């Protein structure tokens, strides 16, 4: 089974971090795992994160959604469209009914809909709902529920609601937009590594960090049943990483005598007091060219030898030799 490079932690790009936007960087990843991970997370983020939305309304004197209201500029259909745009956060999981007494003339916005209820927070309070032109009173009832994804008006219906209840389509997802990019990563240990850049925009009812954490856990929970298929001879990821480090450490501790170099290259390394492969990969290429009698031909020879071992010049070898130094 191949040795996989497993990322240990995720980085949050603090330069672009906002309340409703986050950029997350996961590295290093083996080739192909960037698009695999990014696509899976994107699909879960867009389809499966729970949220809250307006599910129904009642307006005094209105029997159906194709009505008009005397003294109100917008018809009921346009009011419904405006209510669909309201982004709301509920403090608990139970549906909430809000009863609002509106008095005109007034410009009614989403911020007025909570009615002072401590369990309801409107995230876009400036969203326009309707304009009452005349001096009149209007009673508006709203139902706010929780769900995930998209519910049609038919999905939202309940049997015990009043007959003049107008059910509306609801978008519960707090996710506004998800993008991901995969970039090639230059590594000192292995080639063909990549990094995943995930960008998440929310409506403010959930932070981007919480959304990514929730979707990752949900995805992992769906994969857990497959873990039971593991046989005793399957290597755990942690064991793979340890074995990879041990392999590289053994290579670094080898003498340059084992590289089977040309006489000219070997003599140059001896003169520079480079005894082991660890000594060699710690040097930069331009540093090697400064050694006496060491030219481009010798450098190319060494680059090829190191490439065969999965190594290169300019490596940070502290991770692989620190335990040896302690001993």
C-alpha atoms as a PDB file:
ATOM      1  CA  UNK A   1       0.000   0.000   0.000  1.00  0.00           C
ATOM      2  CA  UNK A   2       1.466   3.411  -0.969  1.00  0.00           C
ATOM      3  CA  UNK A   3       2.629   5.920   1.597  1.00  0.00           C
ATOM      4  CA  UNK A   4       0.174   8.817   1.622  1.00  0.00           C
ATOM      5  CA  UNK A   5       0.925  12.380   2.598  1.00  0.00           C
ATOM      6  CA  UNK A   6      -1.833  13.250   5.081  1.00  0.00           C
ATOM      7  CA  UNK A   7      -2.528  16.908   6.012  1.00  0.00           C
ATOM      8  CA  UNK A   8      -2.437  17.455   9.769  1.00  0.00           C
ATOM      9  CA  UNK A   9      -4.297  20.764  10.081  1.00  0.00           C
ATOM     10  CA  UNK A  10      -6.222  23.325   8.066  1.00  0.00           C
ATOM     11  CA  UNK A  11      -5.139  26.931   7.628  1.00  0.00           C
ATOM     12  CA  UNK A  12      -7.558  29.870   7.729  1.00  0.00           C
ATOM     13  CA  UNK A  13      -6.481  32.783   5.536  1.00  0.00           C
ATOM     14  CA  UNK A  14      -6.637  35.629   8.063  1.00  0.00           C
ATOM     15  CA  UNK A  15      -5.968  38.274   5.380  1.00  0.00           C
ATOM     16  CA  UNK A  16      -9.416  37.779   3.832  1.00  0.00           C
ATOM     17  CA  UNK A  17     -11.343  36.478   6.840  1.00  0.00           C
ATOM     18  CA  UNK A  18     -14.728  38.143   7.321  1.00  0.00           C
ATOM     19  CA  UNK A  19     -17.851  37.430   9.324  1.00  0.00           C
ATOM     20  CA  UNK A  20     -19.543  35.885   6.291  1.00  0.00           C
ATOM     21  CA  UNK A  21     -16.562  34.806   4.187  1.00  0.00           C
ATOM     22  CA  UNK A  22     -13.746  32.392   4.868  1.00  0.00           C
ATOM     23  CA  UNK A  23     -10.879  30.922   2.863  1.00  0.00           C
ATOM     24  CA  UNK A  24      -9.509  27.589   4.060  1.00  0.00           C
ATOM     25  CA  UNK A  25      -6.285  25.963   2.859  1.00  0.00           C
ATOM     26  CA  UNK A  26      -5.613  22.242   3.230  1.00  0.00           C
ATOM     27  CA  UNK A  27      -2.150  20.912   2.425  1.00  0.00           C
ATOM     28  CA  UNK A  28      -0.246  18.817   1.566  1.00  0.00           C
ATOM     29  CA  UNK A  29      -2.483  16.451  -0.398  1.00  0.00           C
ATOM     30  CA  UNK A  30      -1.576  13.652  -2.760  1.00  0.00           C
ATOM     31  CA  UNK A  31      -2.405  14.327  -6.402  1.00  0.00           C
ATOM     32  CA  UNK A  32      -6.141  13.922  -7.028  1.00  0.00           C
ATOM     33  CA  UNK A  33      -7.207  14.294  -3.417  1.00  0.00           C
ATOM     34  CA  UNK A  34      -7.661  18.052  -3.777  1.00  0.00           C
ATOM     35  CA  UNK A  35     -10.503  17.785  -6.277  1.00  0.00           C
ATOM     36  CA  UNK A  36     -11.941  14.737  -4.496  1.00  0.00           C
ATOM     37  CA  UNK A  37     -12.085  16.508  -1.139  1.00  0.00           C
ATOM     38  CA  UNK A  38     -13.104  19.888  -2.551  1.00  0.00           C
ATOM     39  CA  UNK A  39     -15.961  18.535  -4.647  1.00  0.00           C
ATOM     40  CA  UNK A  40     -17.350  16.415  -1.801  1.00  0.00           C
ATOM     41  CA  UNK A  41     -17.257  19.312   0.673  1.00  0.00           C
ATOM     42  CA  UNK A  42     -18.817  21.706  -1.834  1.00  0.00           C
ATOM     43  CA  UNK A  43     -21.768  19.392  -2.483  1.00  0.00           C
ATOM     44  CA  UNK A  44     -22.395  18.847   1.232  1.00  0.00           C
ATOM     45  CA  UNK A  45     -22.080  22.558   2.008  1.00  0.00           C
ATOM     46  CA  UNK A  46     -24.581  23.549  -0.670  1.00  0.00           C
ATOM     47  CA  UNK A  47     -27.152  20.844   0.039  1.00  0.00           C
ATOM     48  CA  UNK A  48     -27.017  19.691   3.635  1.00  0.00           C
ATOM     49  CA  UNK A  49     -26.371  22.519   6.104  1.00  0.00           C
ATOM     50  CA  UNK A  50     -29.486  23.260   8.216  1.00  0.00           C
ATOM     51  CA  UNK A  51     -30.904  26.730   8.652  1.00  0.00           C
ATOM     52  CA  UNK A  52     -34.096  28.713   9.206  1.00  0.00           C
ATOM     53  CA  UNK A  53     -36.514  30.506   6.883  1.00  0.00           C
ATOM     54  CA  UNK A  54     -40.038  31.888   6.632  1.00  0.00           C
ATOM     55  CA  UNK A  55     -42.374  28.998   5.760  1.00  0.00           C
ATOM     56  CA  UNK A  56     -45.836  30.600   5.810  1.00  0.00           C
ATOM     57  CA  UNK A  57     -47.756  33.822   6.406  1.00  0.00           C
ATOM     58  CA  UNK A  58     -51.224  35.144   7.094  1.00  0.00           C
ATOM     59  CA  UNK A  59     -52.326  38.670   6.283  1.00  0.00           C
ATOM     60  CA  UNK A  60     -55.518  40.076   7.679  1.00  0.00           C
ATOM     61  CA  UNK A  61     -58.228  40.034   4.997  1.00  0.00           C
ATOM     62  CA  UNK A  62     -56.131  38.078   2.467  1.00  0.00           C
ATOM     63  CA  UNK A  63     -57.308  34.626   1.327  1.00  0.00           C
ATOM     64  CA  UNK A  64     -54.695  33.669  -1.293  1.00  0.00           C
ATOM     65  CA  UNK A  65     -51.335  34.688  -2.745  1.00  0.00           C
ATOM     66  CA  UNK A  66     -52.783  36.394  -5.824  1.00  0.00           C
ATOM     67  CA  UNK A  67     -54.581  39.063  -3.798  1.00  0.00           C
ATOM     68  CA  UNK A  68     -53.877  42.765  -3.464  1.00  0.00           C
ATOM     69  CA  UNK A  69     -54.047  44.746  -0.220  1.00  0.00           C
ATOM     70  CA  UNK A  70     -55.723  48.117  -0.129  1.00  0.00           C
ATOM     71  CA  UNK A  71     -53.267  50.826   0.848  1.00  0.00           C
ATOM     72  CA  UNK A  72     -50.190  48.638   0.207  1.00  0.00           C
ATOM     73  CA  UNK A  73     -48.055  49.197  -2.903  1.00  0.00           C
ATOM     74  CA  UNK A  74     -46.909  45.593  -3.296  1.00  0.00           C
ATOM     75  CA  UNK A  75     -49.300  42.774  -4.100  1.00  0.00           C
ATOM     76  CA  UNK A  76     -49.144  39.584  -2.033  1.00  0.00           C
ATOM     77  CA  UNK A  77     -47.010  37.760  -4.621  1.00  0.00           C
ATOM     78  CA  UNK A  78     -44.296  40.427  -4.382  1.00  0.00           C
ATOM     79  CA  UNK A  79     -44.488  40.428  -0.570  1.00  0.00           C
ATOM     80  CA  UNK A  80     -43.884  36.664  -0.637  1.00  0.00           C
ATOM     81  CA  UNK A  81     -40.852  37.112  -2.908  1.00  0.00           C
ATOM     82  CA  UNK A  82     -39.444  39.655  -0.463  1.00  0.00           C
ATOM     83  CA  UNK A  83     -40.035  37.333   2.506  1.00  0.00           C
ATOM     84  CA  UNK A  84     -38.106  34.559   0.743  1.00  0.00           C
ATOM     85  CA  UNK A  85     -35.030  36.817   0.827  1.00  0.00           C
ATOM     86  CA  UNK A  86     -35.147  37.276   4.601  1.00  0.00           C
ATOM     87  CA  UNK A  87     -32.248  35.503   6.334  1.00  0.00           C
ATOM     88  CA  UNK A  88     -33.111  34.537   9.876  1.00  0.00           C
ATOM     89  CA  UNK A  89     -31.392  32.714  12.730  1.00  0.00           C
ATOM     90  CA  UNK A  90     -33.382  30.807  15.359  1.00  0.00           C
ATOM     91  CA  UNK A  91     -32.060  30.252  18.861  1.00  0.00           C
ATOM     92  CA  UNK A  92     -33.778  26.846  19.097  1.00  0.00           C
ATOM     93  CA  UNK A  93     -34.987  24.096  16.784  1.00  0.00           C
ATOM     94  CA  UNK A  94     -38.725  24.628  17.281  1.00  0.00           C
ATOM     95  CA  UNK A  95     -40.803  26.551  14.701  1.00  0.00           C
ATOM     96  CA  UNK A  96     -41.826  30.034  15.810  1.00  0.00           C
ATOM     97  CA  UNK A  97     -44.954  32.039  15.031  1.00  0.00           C
ATOM     98  CA  UNK A  98     -44.635  35.824  14.958  1.00  0.00           C
ATOM     99  CA  UNK A  99     -47.646  38.141  15.138  1.00  0.00           C
ATOM    100  CA  UNK A 100     -46.970  41.698  13.998  1.00  0.00           C
ATOM    101  CA  UNK A 101     -49.218  44.735  14.277  1.00  0.00           C
ATOM    102  CA  UNK A 102     -48.179  47.100  11.489  1.00  0.00           C
ATOM    103  CA  UNK A 103     -49.328  50.692  11.203  1.00  0.00           C
ATOM    104  CA  UNK A 104     -49.034  52.921   8.151  1.00  0.00           C
ATOM    105  CA  UNK A 105     -47.882  54.881   6.474  1.00  0.00           C
ATOM    106  CA  UNK A 106     -44.588  52.980   6.801  1.00  0.00           C
ATOM    107  CA  UNK A 107     -41.839  51.234   4.915  1.00  0.00           C
ATOM    108  CA  UNK A 108     -41.773  47.711   6.368  1.00  0.00           C
ATOM    109  CA  UNK A 109     -38.348  46.031   6.418  1.00  0.00           C
ATOM    110  CA  UNK A 110     -37.111  42.647   7.617  1.00  0.00           C
ATOM    111  CA  UNK A 111     -35.698  44.132  10.813  1.00  0.00           C
ATOM    112  CA  UNK A 112     -39.253  44.787  12.028  1.00  0.00           C
ATOM    113  CA  UNK A 113     -40.338  41.161  11.660  1.00  0.00           C
ATOM    114  CA  UNK A 114     -38.794  39.729  14.829  1.00  0.00           C
ATOM    115  CA  UNK A 115     -41.218  41.716  16.963  1.00  0.00           C
ATOM    116  CA  UNK A 116     -38.690  41.770  19.787  1.00  0.00           C
ATOM    117  CA  UNK A 117     -38.654  37.961  20.063  1.00  0.00           C
ATOM    118  CA  UNK A 118     -35.277  37.021  21.658  1.00  0.00           C
ATOM    119  CA  UNK A 119     -35.228  33.687  19.787  1.00  0.00           C
ATOM    120  CA  UNK A 120     -35.285  35.348  16.368  1.00  0.00           C
ATOM    121  CA  UNK A 121     -32.419  37.290  14.784  1.00  0.00           C
ATOM    122  CA  UNK A 122     -32.761  38.874  11.345  1.00  0.00           C
ATOM    123  CA  UNK A 123     -29.440  38.943   9.499  1.00  0.00           C
ATOM    124  CA  UNK A 124     -30.493  41.324   6.694  1.00  0.00           C
ATOM    125  CA  UNK A 125     -32.698  43.851   8.540  1.00  0.00           C
ATOM    126  CA  UNK A 126     -32.726  46.316   5.611  1.00  0.00           C
ATOM    127  CA  UNK A 127     -34.448  43.859   3.265  1.00  0.00           C
ATOM    128  CA  UNK A 128     -37.624  45.553   1.991  1.00  0.00           C
ATOM    129  CA  UNK A 129     -40.913  43.715   2.609  1.00  0.00           C
ATOM    130  CA  UNK A 130     -43.739  46.134   1.749  1.00  0.00           C
ATOM    131  CA  UNK A 131     -44.799  49.774   1.758  1.00  0.00           C
ATOM    132  CA  UNK A 132     -48.009  50.808   3.516  1.00  0.00           C
ATOM    133  CA  UNK A 133     -49.111  54.089   1.937  1.00  0.00           C
ATOM    134  CA  UNK A 134     -52.232  54.885   3.931  1.00  0.00           C
ATOM    135  CA  UNK A 135     -52.959  55.359   7.595  1.00  0.00           C
ATOM    136  CA  UNK A 136     -54.167  51.862   8.272  1.00  0.00           C
ATOM    137  CA  UNK A 137     -53.441  48.956  10.597  1.00  0.00           C
ATOM    138  CA  UNK A 138     -52.367  45.597   9.235  1.00  0.00           C
ATOM    139  CA  UNK A 139     -51.929  42.316  11.106  1.00  0.00           C
ATOM    140  CA  UNK A 140     -49.255  39.992   9.740  1.00  0.00           C
ATOM    141  CA  UNK A 141     -48.513  36.490  11.015  1.00  0.00           C
ATOM    142  CA  UNK A 142     -45.310  34.674  10.041  1.00  0.00           C
ATOM    143  CA  UNK A 143     -44.162  31.114  10.659  1.00  0.00           C
ATOM    144  CA  UNK A 144     -40.419  30.517  10.801  1.00  0.00           C
ATOM    145  CA  UNK A 145     -39.148  26.948  10.716  1.00  0.00           C
ATOM    146  CA  UNK A 146     -35.930  24.989  10.404  1.00  0.00           C
ATOM    147  CA  UNK A 147     -34.833  22.653   7.651  1.00  0.00           C
ATOM    148  CA  UNK A 148     -32.104  22.041   5.122  1.00  0.00           C
ATOM    149  CA  UNK A 149     -31.903  22.672   1.432  1.00  0.00           C
ATOM    150  CA  UNK A 150     -35.004  23.802  -0.434  1.00  0.00           C
ATOM    151  CA  UNK A 151     -38.607  23.115   0.590  1.00  0.00           C
ATOM    152  CA  UNK A 152     -41.544  23.812  -1.693  1.00  0.00           C
ATOM    153  CA  UNK A 153     -44.704  25.391  -0.306  1.00  0.00           C
ATOM    154  CA  UNK A 154     -46.297  21.942  -0.448  1.00  0.00           C
ATOM    155  CA  UNK A 155     -43.485  20.486   1.706  1.00  0.00           C
ATOM    156  CA  UNK A 156     -44.029  23.188   4.327  1.00  0.00           C
ATOM    157  CA  UNK A 157     -47.750  22.563   4.804  1.00  0.00           C
ATOM    158  CA  UNK A 158     -49.094  21.317   8.142  1.00  0.00           C
ATOM    159  CA  UNK A 159     -52.576  19.930   8.766  1.00  0.00           C
ATOM    160  CA  UNK A 160     -53.452  22.108  11.759  1.00  0.00           C
ATOM    161  CA  UNK A 161     -52.848  25.512  10.110  1.00  0.00           C
ATOM    162  CA  UNK A 162     -55.750  27.952   9.469  1.00  0.00           C
ATOM    163  CA  UNK A 163     -57.351  27.745   6.011  1.00  0.00           C
ATOM    164  CA  UNK A 164     -56.178  31.216   4.967  1.00  0.00           C
ATOM    165  CA  UNK A 165     -52.512  30.387   5.641  1.00  0.00           C
ATOM    166  CA  UNK A 166     -50.336  31.099   2.617  1.00  0.00           C
ATOM    167  CA  UNK A 167     -47.483  28.593   2.341  1.00  0.00           C
ATOM    168  CA  UNK A 168     -44.312  29.658   0.587  1.00  0.00           C
ATOM    169  CA  UNK A 169     -41.168  28.048  -0.795  1.00  0.00           C
ATOM    170  CA  UNK A 170     -38.239  28.194   1.635  1.00  0.00           C
ATOM    171  CA  UNK A 171     -34.469  28.200   1.197  1.00  0.00           C
ATOM    172  CA  UNK A 172     -33.063  27.032   4.529  1.00  0.00           C
ATOM    173  CA  UNK A 173     -29.406  26.776   3.553  1.00  0.00           C
ATOM    174  CA  UNK A 174     -27.136  29.388   5.193  1.00  0.00           C
ATOM    175  CA  UNK A 175     -24.617  28.909   2.383  1.00  0.00           C
ATOM    176  CA  UNK A 176     -24.564  31.597  -0.301  1.00  0.00           C
ATOM    177  CA  UNK A 177     -21.577  30.468  -2.354  1.00  0.00           C
ATOM    178  CA  UNK A 178     -18.825  27.821  -2.356  1.00  0.00           C
ATOM    179  CA  UNK A 179     -15.730  27.801  -4.554  1.00  0.00           C
ATOM    180  CA  UNK A 180     -12.682  25.577  -4.461  1.00  0.00           C
ATOM    181  CA  UNK A 181      -9.360  25.590  -6.263  1.00  0.00           C
ATOM    182  CA  UNK A 182      -6.570  23.038  -6.464  1.00  0.00           C
ATOM    183  CA  UNK A 183      -2.986  24.225  -6.874  1.00  0.00           C
ATOM    184  CA  UNK A 184       0.231  22.304  -7.338  1.00  0.00           C
ATOM    185  CA  UNK A 185       2.418  22.320  -4.252  1.00  0.00           C
ATOM    186  CA  UNK A 186       6.207  22.283  -4.379  1.00  0.00           C
ATOM    187  CA  UNK A 187       7.455  19.957  -1.659  1.00  0.00           C
ATOM    188  CA  UNK A 188      10.924  19.110  -0.533  1.00  0.00           C
ATOM    189  CA  UNK A 189      10.050  15.467   0.031  1.00  0.00           C
ATOM    190  CA  UNK A 190       7.659  14.327  -2.674  1.00  0.00           C
ATOM    191  CA  UNK A 191       6.597  15.624  -6.050  1.00  0.00           C
ATOM    192  CA  UNK A 192       3.006  15.824  -7.341  1.00  0.00           C
ATOM    193  CA  UNK A 193       1.592  17.181  -4.099  1.00  0.00           C
ATOM    194  CA  UNK A 194      -1.197  19.757  -4.139  1.00  0.00           C
ATOM    195  CA  UNK A 195      -3.212  22.030  -1.890  1.00  0.00           C
ATOM    196  CA  UNK A 196      -6.937  22.651  -1.682  1.00  0.00           C
ATOM    197  CA  UNK A 197      -8.266  26.206  -1.325  1.00  0.00           C
ATOM    198  CA  UNK A 198     -11.903  26.306  -0.206  1.00  0.00           C
ATOM    199  CA  UNK A 199     -13.853  29.593  -0.200  1.00  0.00           C
ATOM    200  CA  UNK A 200     -17.191  29.733   1.630  1.00  0.00           C
ATOM    201  CA  UNK A 201     -19.684  32.605   1.795  1.00  0.00           C
ATOM    202  CA  UNK A 202     -22.627  32.405   4.212  1.00  0.00           C
ATOM    203  CA  UNK A 203     -25.666  34.577   4.899  1.00  0.00           C
ATOM    204  CA  UNK A 204     -24.477  35.343   8.432  1.00  0.00           C
ATOM    205  CA  UNK A 205     -26.706  32.842  10.234  1.00  0.00           C
ATOM    206  CA  UNK A 206     -23.695  30.506  10.463  1.00  0.00           C
ATOM    207  CA  UNK A 207     -20.000  31.326  10.303  1.00  0.00           C
ATOM    208  CA  UNK A 208     -17.935  29.873   7.425  1.00  0.00           C
ATOM    209  CA  UNK A 209     -15.790  27.986   9.972  1.00  0.00           C
ATOM    210  CA  UNK A 210     -18.817  26.308  11.558  1.00  0.00           C
ATOM    211  CA  UNK A 211     -20.233  25.452   8.140  1.00  0.00           C
ATOM    212  CA  UNK A 212     -17.022  23.744   6.989  1.00  0.00           C
ATOM    213  CA  UNK A 213     -16.674  21.915  10.308  1.00  0.00           C
ATOM    214  CA  UNK A 214     -20.287  20.697  10.183  1.00  0.00           C
ATOM    215  CA  UNK A 215     -20.057  19.526   6.565  1.00  0.00           C
ATOM    216  CA  UNK A 216     -16.759  17.707   7.213  1.00  0.00           C
ATOM    217  CA  UNK A 217     -18.210  15.839  10.188  1.00  0.00           C
ATOM    218  CA  UNK A 218     -21.355  14.969   8.237  1.00  0.00           C
ATOM    219  CA  UNK A 219     -19.265  13.603   5.380  1.00  0.00           C
ATOM    220  CA  UNK A 220     -17.065  11.606   7.764  1.00  0.00           C
ATOM    221  CA  UNK A 221     -20.133  10.151   9.516  1.00  0.00           C
ATOM    222  CA  UNK A 222     -21.402   8.819   6.189  1.00  0.00           C
ATOM    223  CA  UNK A 223     -18.070   7.092   5.551  1.00  0.00           C
ATOM    224  CA  UNK A 224     -17.746   5.518   9.000  1.00  0.00           C
ATOM    225  CA  UNK A 225     -19.682   2.326   8.097  1.00  0.00           C
ATOM    226  CA  UNK A 226     -16.987   1.530   5.538  1.00  0.00           C
ATOM    227  CA  UNK A 227     -14.370   1.473   8.310  1.00  0.00           C
ATOM    228  CA  UNK A 228     -15.841  -1.836   9.489  1.00  0.00           C
ATOM    229  CA  UNK A 229     -14.611  -3.473   6.273  1.00  0.00           C
ATOM    230  CA  UNK A 230     -10.997  -2.988   7.331  1.00  0.00           C
ATOM    231  CA  UNK A 231      -8.976  -6.170   7.670  1.00  0.00           C
ATOM    232  CA  UNK A 232      -6.197  -6.625  10.192  1.00  0.00           C
ATOM    233  CA  UNK A 233      -3.441  -6.213   7.622  1.00  0.00           C
ATOM    234  CA  UNK A 234      -4.531  -2.742   6.460  1.00  0.00           C
ATOM    235  CA  UNK A 235      -2.056  -0.048   7.488  1.00  0.00           C
ATOM    236  CA  UNK A 236      -3.448   2.889   9.445  1.00  0.00           C
ATOM    237  CA  UNK A 237      -2.729   6.407   8.018  1.00  0.00           C
ATOM    238  CA  UNK A 238      -0.605   7.308  11.061  1.00  0.00           C
ATOM    239  CA  UNK A 239       1.479   4.191  10.513  1.00  0.00           C
ATOM    240  CA  UNK A 240       1.925   5.109   6.849  1.00  0.00           C
ATOM    241  CA  UNK A 241       3.282   8.534   7.803  1.00  0.00           C
ATOM    242  CA  UNK A 242       5.697   7.021  10.331  1.00  0.00           C
ATOM    243  CA  UNK A 243       6.958   4.520   7.770  1.00  0.00           C
ATOM    244  CA  UNK A 244       7.441   7.292   5.216  1.00  0.00           C
ATOM    245  CA  UNK A 245       9.516   9.278   7.705  1.00  0.00           C
ATOM    246  CA  UNK A 246      11.595   6.217   8.572  1.00  0.00           C
ATOM    247  CA  UNK A 247      12.273   5.525   4.902  1.00  0.00           C
ATOM    248  CA  UNK A 248      13.454   9.095   4.284  1.00  0.00           C
ATOM    249  CA  UNK A 249      15.520   9.066   7.479  1.00  0.00           C
ATOM    250  CA  UNK A 250      17.342   5.916   6.360  1.00  0.00           C
ATOM    251  CA  UNK A 251      18.083   7.518   3.004  1.00  0.00           C
ATOM    252  CA  UNK A 252      19.462  10.647   4.682  1.00  0.00           C
ATOM    253  CA  UNK A 253      21.774   8.657   6.934  1.00  0.00           C
ATOM    254  CA  UNK A 254      23.382   6.826   4.011  1.00  0.00           C
ATOM    255  CA  UNK A 255      26.939   7.656   2.992  1.00  0.00           C
ATOM    256  CA  UNK A 256      27.574   9.363  -0.344  1.00  0.00           C
ATOM    257  CA  UNK A 257      29.752   6.344  -1.145  1.00  0.00           C
ATOM    258  CA  UNK A 258      26.511   4.450  -1.855  1.00  0.00           C
ATOM    259  CA  UNK A 259      25.417   6.861  -4.592  1.00  0.00           C
ATOM    260  CA  UNK A 260      27.897   5.433  -7.120  1.00  0.00           C
ATOM    261  CA  UNK A 261      28.955   8.854  -8.355  1.00  0.00           C
ATOM    262  CA  UNK A 262      31.503   9.743 -10.995  1.00  0.00           C
ATOM    263  CA  UNK A 263      35.032  10.244  -9.698  1.00  0.00           C
ATOM    264  CA  UNK A 264      34.920  14.006 -10.295  1.00  0.00           C
ATOM    265  CA  UNK A 265      31.638  14.494  -8.399  1.00  0.00           C
ATOM    266  CA  UNK A 266      32.723  12.208  -5.577  1.00  0.00           C
ATOM    267  CA  UNK A 267      36.042  14.013  -5.101  1.00  0.00           C
ATOM    268  CA  UNK A 268      34.291  17.410  -5.042  1.00  0.00           C
ATOM    269  CA  UNK A 269      31.956  16.219  -2.274  1.00  0.00           C
ATOM    270  CA  UNK A 270      34.858  14.828  -0.289  1.00  0.00           C
ATOM    271  CA  UNK A 271      36.714  18.134  -0.588  1.00  0.00           C
ATOM    272  CA  UNK A 272      33.601  19.966   0.639  1.00  0.00           C
ATOM    273  CA  UNK A 273      33.375  17.545   3.605  1.00  0.00           C
ATOM    274  CA  UNK A 274      29.960  16.273   2.530  1.00  0.00           C
ATOM    275  CA  UNK A 275      29.839  12.787   4.005  1.00  0.00           C
ATOM    276  CA  UNK A 276      26.155  11.769   4.043  1.00  0.00           C
ATOM    277  CA  UNK A 277      23.072  12.315   1.902  1.00  0.00           C
ATOM    278  CA  UNK A 278      21.720  14.482   4.736  1.00  0.00           C
ATOM    279  CA  UNK A 279      24.743  16.768   4.331  1.00  0.00           C
ATOM    280  CA  UNK A 280      24.082  16.880   0.588  1.00  0.00           C
ATOM    281  CA  UNK A 281      20.344  17.712   0.521  1.00  0.00           C
ATOM    282  CA  UNK A 282      20.865  20.422   3.141  1.00  0.00           C
ATOM    283  CA  UNK A 283      22.720  22.429   0.498  1.00  0.00           C
ATOM    284  CA  UNK A 284      21.116  24.657  -2.142  1.00  0.00           C
ATOM    285  CA  UNK A 285      21.948  24.105  -5.819  1.00  0.00           C
ATOM    286  CA  UNK A 286      23.648  27.488  -6.200  1.00  0.00           C
ATOM    287  CA  UNK A 287      25.663  26.754  -3.069  1.00  0.00           C
ATOM    288  CA  UNK A 288      26.973  23.539  -4.636  1.00  0.00           C
ATOM    289  CA  UNK A 289      28.140  25.395  -7.730  1.00  0.00           C
ATOM    290  CA  UNK A 290      30.430  27.533  -5.579  1.00  0.00           C
ATOM    291  CA  UNK A 291      32.540  24.527  -4.570  1.00  0.00           C
ATOM    292  CA  UNK A 292      35.899  24.229  -6.329  1.00  0.00           C
ATOM    293  CA  UNK A 293      35.839  22.135  -9.549  1.00  0.00           C
ATOM    294  CA  UNK A 294      32.087  21.482  -9.109  1.00  0.00           C
ATOM    295  CA  UNK A 295      30.227  22.341 -12.320  1.00  0.00           C
ATOM    296  CA  UNK A 296      26.777  22.041 -13.887  1.00  0.00           C
ATOM    297  CA  UNK A 297      27.446  18.504 -15.140  1.00  0.00           C
ATOM    298  CA  UNK A 298      28.210  17.269 -11.615  1.00  0.00           C
ATOM    299  CA  UNK A 299      25.146  19.101 -10.275  1.00  0.00           C
ATOM    300  CA  UNK A 300      22.846  17.447 -12.829  1.00  0.00           C
ATOM    301  CA  UNK A 301      24.285  14.063 -11.900  1.00  0.00           C
ATOM    302  CA  UNK A 302      23.483  14.636  -8.219  1.00  0.00           C
ATOM    303  CA  UNK A 303      19.990  15.966  -8.995  1.00  0.00           C
ATOM    304  CA  UNK A 304      19.208  12.741 -10.879  1.00  0.00           C
ATOM    305  CA  UNK A 305      20.566  10.577  -8.051  1.00  0.00           C
ATOM    306  CA  UNK A 306      18.523  12.428  -5.425  1.00  0.00           C
ATOM    307  CA  UNK A 307      15.400  12.310  -7.583  1.00  0.00           C
ATOM    308  CA  UNK A 308      15.649   8.523  -7.702  1.00  0.00           C
ATOM    309  CA  UNK A 309      15.503   8.546  -3.892  1.00  0.00           C
ATOM    310  CA  UNK A 310      12.599  11.017  -3.726  1.00  0.00           C
ATOM    311  CA  UNK A 311      14.894  13.744  -2.370  1.00  0.00           C
ATOM    312  CA  UNK A 312      16.175  17.104  -3.599  1.00  0.00           C
ATOM    313  CA  UNK A 313      18.516  19.949  -2.757  1.00  0.00           C
ATOM    314  CA  UNK A 314      17.365  22.554  -0.233  1.00  0.00           C
ATOM    315  CA  UNK A 315      15.369  20.169   1.931  1.00  0.00           C
ATOM    316  CA  UNK A 316      14.484  20.909   5.537  1.00  0.00           C
ATOM    317  CA  UNK A 317      15.603  17.672   7.164  1.00  0.00           C
ATOM    318  CA  UNK A 318      15.046  18.662  10.795  1.00  0.00           C
ATOM    319  CA  UNK A 319      11.839  16.613  10.969  1.00  0.00           C
ATOM    320  CA  UNK A 320      13.684  13.455   9.962  1.00  0.00           C
ATOM    321  CA  UNK A 321      16.922  13.745  11.930  1.00  0.00           C
ATOM    322  CA  UNK A 322      15.788  15.375  15.203  1.00  0.00           C
ATOM    323  CA  UNK A 323      15.295  12.044  16.972  1.00  0.00           C
ATOM    324  CA  UNK A 324      18.699  10.875  15.790  1.00  0.00           C
ATOM    325  CA  UNK A 325      20.336  14.041  17.140  1.00  0.00           C
ATOM    326  CA  UNK A 326      18.705  13.518  20.545  1.00  0.00           C
ATOM    327  CA  UNK A 327      20.257  10.113  20.756  1.00  0.00           C
END
